[in-house]
Every structure is written in structure tokens, then in C-alpha cells.
Amino acid sequence: MTPKQRKFCDEYIKTGNATQSAVSAGYSQKTAYSIGTENLKKPELKKYIDSKLKSISDNAIATAEETLTILTKIVRGEHTEQVITAEGDVIDKHPDTNQIIRASSEILKRYPLAQDINIKGNLKVSNPFENLTEEELRALASRDDE
């Protein structure tokens, strides 16, 4: 990779605009569009850009696990935030009911309750009277009439 190509890649990572990145890297205004498009297709440059973007996202964007951990701490009342009271004191405030409900809702979007899951199959309901004789059924019915 040439220094000019590296500059193009670094600029593209910042802006996401291939033409602008080509101009910033020192390519001519006339050829910037075609050079930018061409550079993005080169495997070595694409690999470099992808690697840098992954590194940035790994460090800058919270993972699903991190997010669920924070939401769980809110639900359990373990997460606090500092607030300033009317008197000017700084105190640690635990989540209120609305925050807990919102955090719970976000967790349940990821892990739905069993009642929300479609269950397919045959359901057999047993009849407690199915093994009784006709005589036994009449005896039970006559007791209910008394």
C-alpha cells in the first residue's frame, strides 16, 4: 500500500466519502471519483479499512452483553446515577419504577417470556371420569343431586 493509498483509507474511515477522501489524499479533483471507487475495490485497501473500522467499533460501541448487563443492574436497583439536589448536594440516585420498567422491557425484547412463544403439538387433556363405569357415573351424579 502506498502512502497516498493509506492516506485515502484513513480519510475514508473518517468521512465515509470516497471522492472527498481521494481529494484529501492528494488525488486530482478530476479523477477523485473514479480513483475513490477503484481504491475501495482493491482487496488490500478494503482489508485495511475493514480492520480499522472493526477496531474502532470494538472500542467505541457497547456490545449486546454490556448493554444487557447495564439493563440488568438497573432492574435490580444496583445501578446508580449522581444527581444534584435542590440544596446543591450530590447524591447517588437509584433507578425509579419507570426506569426499571423500561429496562425490563428492553431485556424482555431479547428474552421473551415463555407465554409469548408459539408451542406447536398435540395437547392431551385427561378426563378424570374416563375409567369409571356407567353405574359409578350414575352414583356420582345422584350424590350431586342430594
N, C-alpha and C. Protein backbone atom coordinates (compact mmCIF):
# COMPACT_ATOMS: atom_id res chain seq x y z
N MET A 1 0.85 -1.17 0.00
CA MET A 1 0.00 0.00 0.00
C MET A 1 0.90 1.24 0.00
N THR A 2 0.59 2.14 -0.89
CA THR A 2 1.39 3.37 -0.98
C THR A 2 0.96 4.34 0.12
N PRO A 3 1.81 5.31 0.43
CA PRO A 3 1.42 6.32 1.43
C PRO A 3 0.14 7.07 1.02
N LYS A 4 -0.02 7.31 -0.28
CA LYS A 4 -1.20 8.01 -0.77
C LYS A 4 -2.47 7.16 -0.56
N GLN A 5 -2.33 5.86 -0.79
CA GLN A 5 -3.46 4.95 -0.58
C GLN A 5 -3.83 4.86 0.90
N ARG A 6 -2.79 4.82 1.76
CA ARG A 6 -3.04 4.77 3.21
C ARG A 6 -3.77 6.04 3.65
N LYS A 7 -3.34 7.19 3.12
CA LYS A 7 -3.99 8.47 3.44
C LYS A 7 -5.45 8.43 2.98
N PHE A 8 -5.68 7.88 1.77
CA PHE A 8 -7.04 7.74 1.26
C PHE A 8 -7.88 6.90 2.24
N CYS A 9 -7.33 5.76 2.64
CA CYS A 9 -8.05 4.87 3.55
C CYS A 9 -8.36 5.55 4.88
N ASP A 10 -7.38 6.24 5.44
CA ASP A 10 -7.59 6.92 6.72
C ASP A 10 -8.65 8.01 6.60
N GLU A 11 -8.64 8.73 5.50
CA GLU A 11 -9.64 9.76 5.27
C GLU A 11 -11.02 9.14 5.07
N TYR A 12 -11.06 8.03 4.34
CA TYR A 12 -12.34 7.35 4.10
C TYR A 12 -12.94 6.85 5.41
N ILE A 13 -12.11 6.36 6.29
CA ILE A 13 -12.58 5.90 7.60
C ILE A 13 -13.23 7.06 8.37
N LYS A 14 -12.66 8.25 8.23
CA LYS A 14 -13.21 9.44 8.92
C LYS A 14 -14.51 9.92 8.30
N THR A 15 -14.54 9.96 6.95
CA THR A 15 -15.66 10.63 6.27
C THR A 15 -16.69 9.69 5.67
N GLY A 16 -16.27 8.50 5.24
CA GLY A 16 -17.18 7.61 4.54
C GLY A 16 -17.46 8.05 3.11
N ASN A 17 -16.73 9.05 2.63
CA ASN A 17 -16.93 9.59 1.28
C ASN A 17 -15.67 9.33 0.47
N ALA A 18 -15.78 8.46 -0.54
CA ALA A 18 -14.61 8.06 -1.31
C ALA A 18 -14.03 9.21 -2.13
N THR A 19 -14.87 10.01 -2.76
CA THR A 19 -14.39 11.12 -3.60
C THR A 19 -13.65 12.15 -2.75
N GLN A 20 -14.27 12.56 -1.67
CA GLN A 20 -13.66 13.55 -0.77
C GLN A 20 -12.34 13.01 -0.20
N SER A 21 -12.33 11.72 0.13
CA SER A 21 -11.12 11.10 0.69
C SER A 21 -9.99 11.06 -0.33
N ALA A 22 -10.33 10.82 -1.59
CA ALA A 22 -9.32 10.82 -2.65
C ALA A 22 -8.70 12.20 -2.82
N VAL A 23 -9.52 13.24 -2.79
CA VAL A 23 -9.02 14.62 -2.91
C VAL A 23 -8.12 14.93 -1.72
N SER A 24 -8.56 14.58 -0.51
CA SER A 24 -7.77 14.84 0.70
C SER A 24 -6.44 14.09 0.68
N ALA A 25 -6.43 12.93 0.04
CA ALA A 25 -5.20 12.13 -0.03
C ALA A 25 -4.23 12.64 -1.10
N GLY A 26 -4.68 13.59 -1.94
CA GLY A 26 -3.78 14.17 -2.93
C GLY A 26 -4.07 13.78 -4.36
N TYR A 27 -5.13 13.05 -4.61
CA TYR A 27 -5.51 12.73 -5.99
C TYR A 27 -6.17 13.96 -6.61
N SER A 28 -6.16 14.06 -7.93
CA SER A 28 -6.72 15.24 -8.59
C SER A 28 -8.25 15.25 -8.48
N GLN A 29 -8.79 16.44 -8.49
CA GLN A 29 -10.24 16.63 -8.40
C GLN A 29 -10.95 15.89 -9.56
N LYS A 30 -10.33 15.90 -10.74
CA LYS A 30 -10.92 15.28 -11.93
C LYS A 30 -11.06 13.77 -11.78
N THR A 31 -10.07 13.14 -11.17
CA THR A 31 -10.06 11.67 -11.09
C THR A 31 -10.49 11.15 -9.72
N ALA A 32 -10.81 12.04 -8.81
CA ALA A 32 -11.11 11.65 -7.42
C ALA A 32 -12.24 10.62 -7.33
N TYR A 33 -13.31 10.82 -8.11
CA TYR A 33 -14.45 9.90 -8.04
C TYR A 33 -14.03 8.50 -8.47
N SER A 34 -13.39 8.38 -9.64
CA SER A 34 -13.03 7.06 -10.16
C SER A 34 -11.93 6.41 -9.31
N ILE A 35 -10.97 7.19 -8.85
CA ILE A 35 -9.90 6.64 -8.00
C ILE A 35 -10.49 6.16 -6.67
N GLY A 36 -11.40 6.95 -6.11
CA GLY A 36 -12.04 6.56 -4.85
C GLY A 36 -12.78 5.24 -4.99
N THR A 37 -13.56 5.12 -6.05
CA THR A 37 -14.31 3.88 -6.31
C THR A 37 -13.35 2.71 -6.53
N GLU A 38 -12.32 2.96 -7.30
CA GLU A 38 -11.33 1.91 -7.60
C GLU A 38 -10.60 1.47 -6.33
N ASN A 39 -10.20 2.44 -5.50
CA ASN A 39 -9.48 2.11 -4.26
C ASN A 39 -10.31 1.24 -3.33
N LEU A 40 -11.62 1.51 -3.28
CA LEU A 40 -12.48 0.72 -2.38
C LEU A 40 -12.62 -0.72 -2.84
N LYS A 41 -12.31 -0.99 -4.08
CA LYS A 41 -12.41 -2.36 -4.61
C LYS A 41 -11.11 -3.14 -4.45
N LYS A 42 -10.02 -2.47 -4.15
CA LYS A 42 -8.73 -3.15 -4.01
C LYS A 42 -8.72 -3.94 -2.71
N PRO A 43 -8.45 -5.26 -2.80
CA PRO A 43 -8.51 -6.12 -1.61
C PRO A 43 -7.64 -5.65 -0.45
N GLU A 44 -6.43 -5.21 -0.74
CA GLU A 44 -5.53 -4.79 0.33
C GLU A 44 -6.07 -3.55 1.06
N LEU A 45 -6.61 -2.60 0.29
CA LEU A 45 -7.16 -1.39 0.90
C LEU A 45 -8.46 -1.71 1.64
N LYS A 46 -9.29 -2.55 1.05
CA LYS A 46 -10.55 -2.93 1.70
C LYS A 46 -10.28 -3.63 3.03
N LYS A 47 -9.28 -4.52 3.03
CA LYS A 47 -8.91 -5.23 4.26
C LYS A 47 -8.43 -4.25 5.34
N TYR A 48 -7.62 -3.28 4.94
CA TYR A 48 -7.12 -2.27 5.87
C TYR A 48 -8.29 -1.46 6.46
N ILE A 49 -9.17 -0.99 5.59
CA ILE A 49 -10.32 -0.19 6.04
C ILE A 49 -11.20 -1.01 6.98
N ASP A 50 -11.53 -2.24 6.59
CA ASP A 50 -12.38 -3.10 7.42
C ASP A 50 -11.76 -3.36 8.78
N SER A 51 -10.45 -3.59 8.78
CA SER A 51 -9.75 -3.85 10.03
C SER A 51 -9.81 -2.64 10.97
N LYS A 52 -9.57 -1.45 10.42
CA LYS A 52 -9.61 -0.22 11.23
C LYS A 52 -11.02 0.06 11.74
N LEU A 53 -12.03 -0.14 10.88
CA LEU A 53 -13.42 0.09 11.29
C LEU A 53 -13.84 -0.88 12.39
N LYS A 54 -13.40 -2.13 12.27
CA LYS A 54 -13.71 -3.12 13.31
C LYS A 54 -13.08 -2.72 14.63
N SER A 55 -11.84 -2.29 14.58
CA SER A 55 -11.14 -1.87 15.79
C SER A 55 -11.86 -0.69 16.44
N ILE A 56 -12.28 0.26 15.63
CA ILE A 56 -13.00 1.43 16.15
C ILE A 56 -14.31 1.00 16.79
N SER A 57 -15.07 0.14 16.09
CA SER A 57 -16.37 -0.26 16.63
C SER A 57 -16.22 -1.12 17.88
N ASP A 58 -15.19 -1.97 17.93
CA ASP A 58 -14.96 -2.79 19.11
C ASP A 58 -14.70 -1.94 20.34
N ASN A 59 -14.03 -0.82 20.15
CA ASN A 59 -13.69 0.04 21.28
C ASN A 59 -14.77 1.08 21.59
N ALA A 60 -15.57 1.44 20.60
CA ALA A 60 -16.50 2.56 20.78
C ALA A 60 -17.94 2.13 21.03
N ILE A 61 -18.33 0.97 20.54
CA ILE A 61 -19.73 0.57 20.60
C ILE A 61 -19.89 -0.52 21.65
N ALA A 62 -20.87 -0.32 22.53
CA ALA A 62 -21.14 -1.31 23.57
C ALA A 62 -21.63 -2.60 22.93
N THR A 63 -21.19 -3.70 23.47
CA THR A 63 -21.65 -5.00 22.97
C THR A 63 -23.04 -5.28 23.55
N ALA A 64 -23.71 -6.25 22.97
CA ALA A 64 -25.03 -6.65 23.48
C ALA A 64 -24.90 -7.12 24.93
N GLU A 65 -23.83 -7.83 25.22
CA GLU A 65 -23.62 -8.32 26.59
C GLU A 65 -23.46 -7.17 27.58
N GLU A 66 -22.68 -6.15 27.20
CA GLU A 66 -22.50 -4.99 28.08
C GLU A 66 -23.84 -4.28 28.32
N THR A 67 -24.60 -4.14 27.25
CA THR A 67 -25.89 -3.46 27.35
C THR A 67 -26.84 -4.23 28.26
N LEU A 68 -26.91 -5.55 28.08
CA LEU A 68 -27.78 -6.36 28.93
C LEU A 68 -27.33 -6.33 30.39
N THR A 69 -26.03 -6.26 30.62
CA THR A 69 -25.51 -6.17 31.99
C THR A 69 -25.98 -4.87 32.65
N ILE A 70 -25.89 -3.77 31.92
CA ILE A 70 -26.33 -2.47 32.47
C ILE A 70 -27.83 -2.50 32.74
N LEU A 71 -28.60 -3.01 31.78
CA LEU A 71 -30.05 -3.07 31.96
C LEU A 71 -30.42 -3.94 33.16
N THR A 72 -29.70 -5.04 33.35
CA THR A 72 -29.96 -5.91 34.49
C THR A 72 -29.65 -5.20 35.79
N LYS A 73 -28.57 -4.45 35.83
CA LYS A 73 -28.24 -3.69 37.04
C LYS A 73 -29.32 -2.65 37.35
N ILE A 74 -29.89 -2.04 36.32
CA ILE A 74 -30.97 -1.07 36.53
C ILE A 74 -32.18 -1.79 37.12
N VAL A 75 -32.55 -2.93 36.54
CA VAL A 75 -33.71 -3.68 37.02
C VAL A 75 -33.52 -4.09 38.48
N ARG A 76 -32.32 -4.48 38.84
CA ARG A 76 -32.04 -4.94 40.21
C ARG A 76 -31.78 -3.79 41.18
N GLY A 77 -31.77 -2.56 40.69
CA GLY A 77 -31.51 -1.42 41.55
C GLY A 77 -30.06 -1.27 41.94
N GLU A 78 -29.16 -1.93 41.23
CA GLU A 78 -27.73 -1.88 41.54
C GLU A 78 -27.02 -0.72 40.86
N HIS A 79 -27.64 -0.15 39.84
CA HIS A 79 -27.04 0.94 39.08
C HIS A 79 -27.51 2.27 39.69
N THR A 80 -26.59 3.15 39.95
CA THR A 80 -26.96 4.47 40.48
C THR A 80 -26.41 5.55 39.57
N GLU A 81 -27.03 6.71 39.66
CA GLU A 81 -26.51 7.88 38.94
C GLU A 81 -26.43 9.03 39.93
N GLN A 82 -25.48 9.91 39.70
CA GLN A 82 -25.32 11.04 40.59
C GLN A 82 -26.23 12.18 40.15
N VAL A 83 -26.96 12.73 41.10
CA VAL A 83 -27.84 13.87 40.83
C VAL A 83 -27.58 14.95 41.87
N ILE A 84 -27.90 16.16 41.48
CA ILE A 84 -27.72 17.30 42.39
C ILE A 84 -29.09 17.65 42.97
N THR A 85 -29.15 17.73 44.29
CA THR A 85 -30.41 18.08 44.95
C THR A 85 -30.64 19.58 44.88
N ALA A 86 -31.83 20.00 45.28
CA ALA A 86 -32.16 21.43 45.29
C ALA A 86 -31.22 22.21 46.22
N GLU A 87 -30.70 21.52 47.23
CA GLU A 87 -29.77 22.15 48.17
C GLU A 87 -28.34 22.20 47.63
N GLY A 88 -28.11 21.58 46.47
CA GLY A 88 -26.78 21.59 45.89
C GLY A 88 -25.93 20.39 46.26
N ASP A 89 -26.50 19.45 47.00
CA ASP A 89 -25.76 18.24 47.37
C ASP A 89 -25.77 17.24 46.22
N VAL A 90 -24.69 16.48 46.11
CA VAL A 90 -24.61 15.43 45.10
C VAL A 90 -24.92 14.11 45.80
N ILE A 91 -25.94 13.40 45.28
CA ILE A 91 -26.32 12.13 45.88
C ILE A 91 -26.38 11.05 44.80
N ASP A 92 -26.26 9.80 45.23
CA ASP A 92 -26.44 8.66 44.33
C ASP A 92 -27.92 8.30 44.32
N LYS A 93 -28.51 8.31 43.13
CA LYS A 93 -29.94 8.01 42.98
C LYS A 93 -30.10 6.64 42.34
N HIS A 94 -30.93 5.81 42.95
CA HIS A 94 -31.26 4.51 42.39
C HIS A 94 -32.34 4.68 41.33
N PRO A 95 -32.48 3.73 40.41
CA PRO A 95 -33.48 3.86 39.35
C PRO A 95 -34.90 3.91 39.93
N ASP A 96 -35.75 4.72 39.30
CA ASP A 96 -37.14 4.77 39.73
C ASP A 96 -37.93 3.68 39.01
N THR A 97 -39.18 3.54 39.35
CA THR A 97 -40.01 2.47 38.79
C THR A 97 -40.09 2.54 37.27
N ASN A 98 -40.24 3.73 36.71
CA ASN A 98 -40.32 3.85 35.25
C ASN A 98 -39.04 3.38 34.57
N GLN A 99 -37.89 3.71 35.14
CA GLN A 99 -36.62 3.26 34.57
C GLN A 99 -36.49 1.74 34.65
N ILE A 100 -36.94 1.18 35.75
CA ILE A 100 -36.89 -0.28 35.94
C ILE A 100 -37.80 -0.97 34.92
N ILE A 101 -39.00 -0.42 34.72
CA ILE A 101 -39.93 -0.99 33.76
C ILE A 101 -39.35 -0.92 32.34
N ARG A 102 -38.78 0.22 31.97
CA ARG A 102 -38.18 0.36 30.63
C ARG A 102 -37.02 -0.61 30.43
N ALA A 103 -36.17 -0.74 31.45
CA ALA A 103 -35.04 -1.66 31.36
C ALA A 103 -35.54 -3.10 31.25
N SER A 104 -36.55 -3.44 32.04
CA SER A 104 -37.12 -4.79 31.98
C SER A 104 -37.69 -5.07 30.59
N SER A 105 -38.37 -4.09 30.04
CA SER A 105 -38.95 -4.23 28.70
C SER A 105 -37.87 -4.49 27.67
N GLU A 106 -36.77 -3.77 27.75
CA GLU A 106 -35.67 -3.97 26.80
C GLU A 106 -35.06 -5.37 26.93
N ILE A 107 -34.95 -5.85 28.16
CA ILE A 107 -34.41 -7.21 28.36
C ILE A 107 -35.38 -8.23 27.78
N LEU A 108 -36.68 -8.03 28.02
CA LEU A 108 -37.67 -8.99 27.54
C LEU A 108 -37.79 -9.01 26.02
N LYS A 109 -37.37 -7.95 25.36
CA LYS A 109 -37.33 -7.97 23.89
C LYS A 109 -36.32 -9.00 23.42
N ARG A 110 -35.27 -9.16 24.19
CA ARG A 110 -34.20 -10.10 23.84
C ARG A 110 -34.52 -11.51 24.33
N TYR A 111 -35.16 -11.61 25.49
CA TYR A 111 -35.51 -12.89 26.09
C TYR A 111 -37.00 -12.91 26.40
N PRO A 112 -37.85 -13.23 25.39
CA PRO A 112 -39.28 -13.19 25.61
C PRO A 112 -39.74 -14.23 26.62
N LEU A 113 -40.86 -13.93 27.26
CA LEU A 113 -41.44 -14.87 28.21
C LEU A 113 -41.94 -16.11 27.48
N ALA A 114 -42.01 -17.20 28.19
CA ALA A 114 -42.46 -18.47 27.59
C ALA A 114 -43.86 -18.34 27.01
N GLN A 115 -44.71 -17.54 27.62
CA GLN A 115 -46.09 -17.42 27.13
C GLN A 115 -46.14 -16.74 25.76
N ASP A 116 -45.09 -16.05 25.37
CA ASP A 116 -45.06 -15.39 24.08
C ASP A 116 -44.57 -16.31 22.97
N ILE A 117 -44.11 -17.49 23.32
CA ILE A 117 -43.55 -18.41 22.34
C ILE A 117 -44.66 -19.32 21.83
N ASN A 118 -44.73 -19.48 20.53
CA ASN A 118 -45.72 -20.40 19.95
C ASN A 118 -45.28 -21.83 20.20
N ILE A 119 -46.16 -22.60 20.80
CA ILE A 119 -45.87 -24.00 21.05
C ILE A 119 -46.77 -24.81 20.14
N LYS A 120 -46.15 -25.68 19.34
CA LYS A 120 -46.92 -26.50 18.42
C LYS A 120 -46.91 -27.94 18.90
N GLY A 121 -48.00 -28.62 18.67
CA GLY A 121 -48.08 -30.02 19.04
C GLY A 121 -49.48 -30.34 19.52
N ASN A 122 -49.66 -31.58 19.90
CA ASN A 122 -50.96 -32.03 20.38
C ASN A 122 -51.00 -31.92 21.88
N LEU A 123 -52.07 -31.40 22.37
CA LEU A 123 -52.27 -31.28 23.80
C LEU A 123 -53.34 -32.28 24.20
N LYS A 124 -53.01 -33.18 25.09
CA LYS A 124 -53.97 -34.18 25.53
C LYS A 124 -54.47 -33.79 26.92
N VAL A 125 -55.77 -33.64 27.02
CA VAL A 125 -56.38 -33.33 28.31
C VAL A 125 -57.01 -34.60 28.82
N SER A 126 -56.63 -35.00 30.02
CA SER A 126 -57.17 -36.26 30.54
C SER A 126 -58.53 -36.00 31.20
N ASN A 127 -59.38 -37.00 31.10
CA ASN A 127 -60.72 -36.93 31.68
C ASN A 127 -60.70 -37.79 32.94
N PRO A 128 -60.92 -37.19 34.11
CA PRO A 128 -60.83 -37.99 35.35
C PRO A 128 -61.93 -39.05 35.45
N PHE A 129 -62.98 -38.95 34.62
CA PHE A 129 -64.09 -39.90 34.68
C PHE A 129 -64.03 -40.97 33.60
N GLU A 130 -62.99 -40.97 32.77
CA GLU A 130 -62.96 -41.86 31.61
C GLU A 130 -62.88 -43.34 31.98
N ASN A 131 -62.37 -43.68 33.13
CA ASN A 131 -62.24 -45.09 33.51
C ASN A 131 -63.37 -45.58 34.41
N LEU A 132 -64.35 -44.73 34.67
CA LEU A 132 -65.48 -45.12 35.53
C LEU A 132 -66.53 -45.85 34.71
N THR A 133 -67.19 -46.78 35.38
CA THR A 133 -68.29 -47.49 34.70
C THR A 133 -69.51 -46.59 34.69
N GLU A 134 -70.50 -47.01 33.89
CA GLU A 134 -71.74 -46.24 33.81
C GLU A 134 -72.43 -46.20 35.16
N GLU A 135 -72.37 -47.28 35.88
CA GLU A 135 -73.01 -47.38 37.21
C GLU A 135 -72.34 -46.41 38.19
N GLU A 136 -71.00 -46.34 38.16
CA GLU A 136 -70.26 -45.43 39.04
C GLU A 136 -70.57 -43.97 38.70
N LEU A 137 -70.71 -43.68 37.41
CA LEU A 137 -71.07 -42.32 36.99
C LEU A 137 -72.45 -41.93 37.49
N ARG A 138 -73.43 -42.86 37.43
CA ARG A 138 -74.78 -42.59 37.93
C ARG A 138 -74.76 -42.35 39.44
N ALA A 139 -73.93 -43.12 40.14
CA ALA A 139 -73.84 -42.97 41.60
C ALA A 139 -73.29 -41.60 41.94
N LEU A 140 -72.27 -41.14 41.19
CA LEU A 140 -71.71 -39.80 41.42
C LEU A 140 -72.74 -38.72 41.11
N ALA A 141 -73.46 -38.88 40.04
CA ALA A 141 -74.48 -37.90 39.63
C ALA A 141 -75.58 -37.83 40.65
N SER A 142 -76.00 -38.97 41.22
CA SER A 142 -77.08 -38.94 42.21
C SER A 142 -76.63 -38.29 43.50
N ARG A 143 -75.34 -38.41 43.83
CA ARG A 143 -74.83 -37.74 45.04
C ARG A 143 -74.85 -36.24 44.87
N ASP A 144 -74.58 -35.76 43.66
CA ASP A 144 -74.59 -34.33 43.39
C ASP A 144 -76.00 -33.76 43.49
N ASP A 145 -77.02 -34.59 43.20
CA ASP A 145 -78.40 -34.13 43.24
C ASP A 145 -78.90 -33.97 44.68
N GLU A 146 -78.29 -34.64 45.63
CA GLU A 146 -78.75 -34.60 47.02
C GLU A 146 -78.46 -33.32 47.70
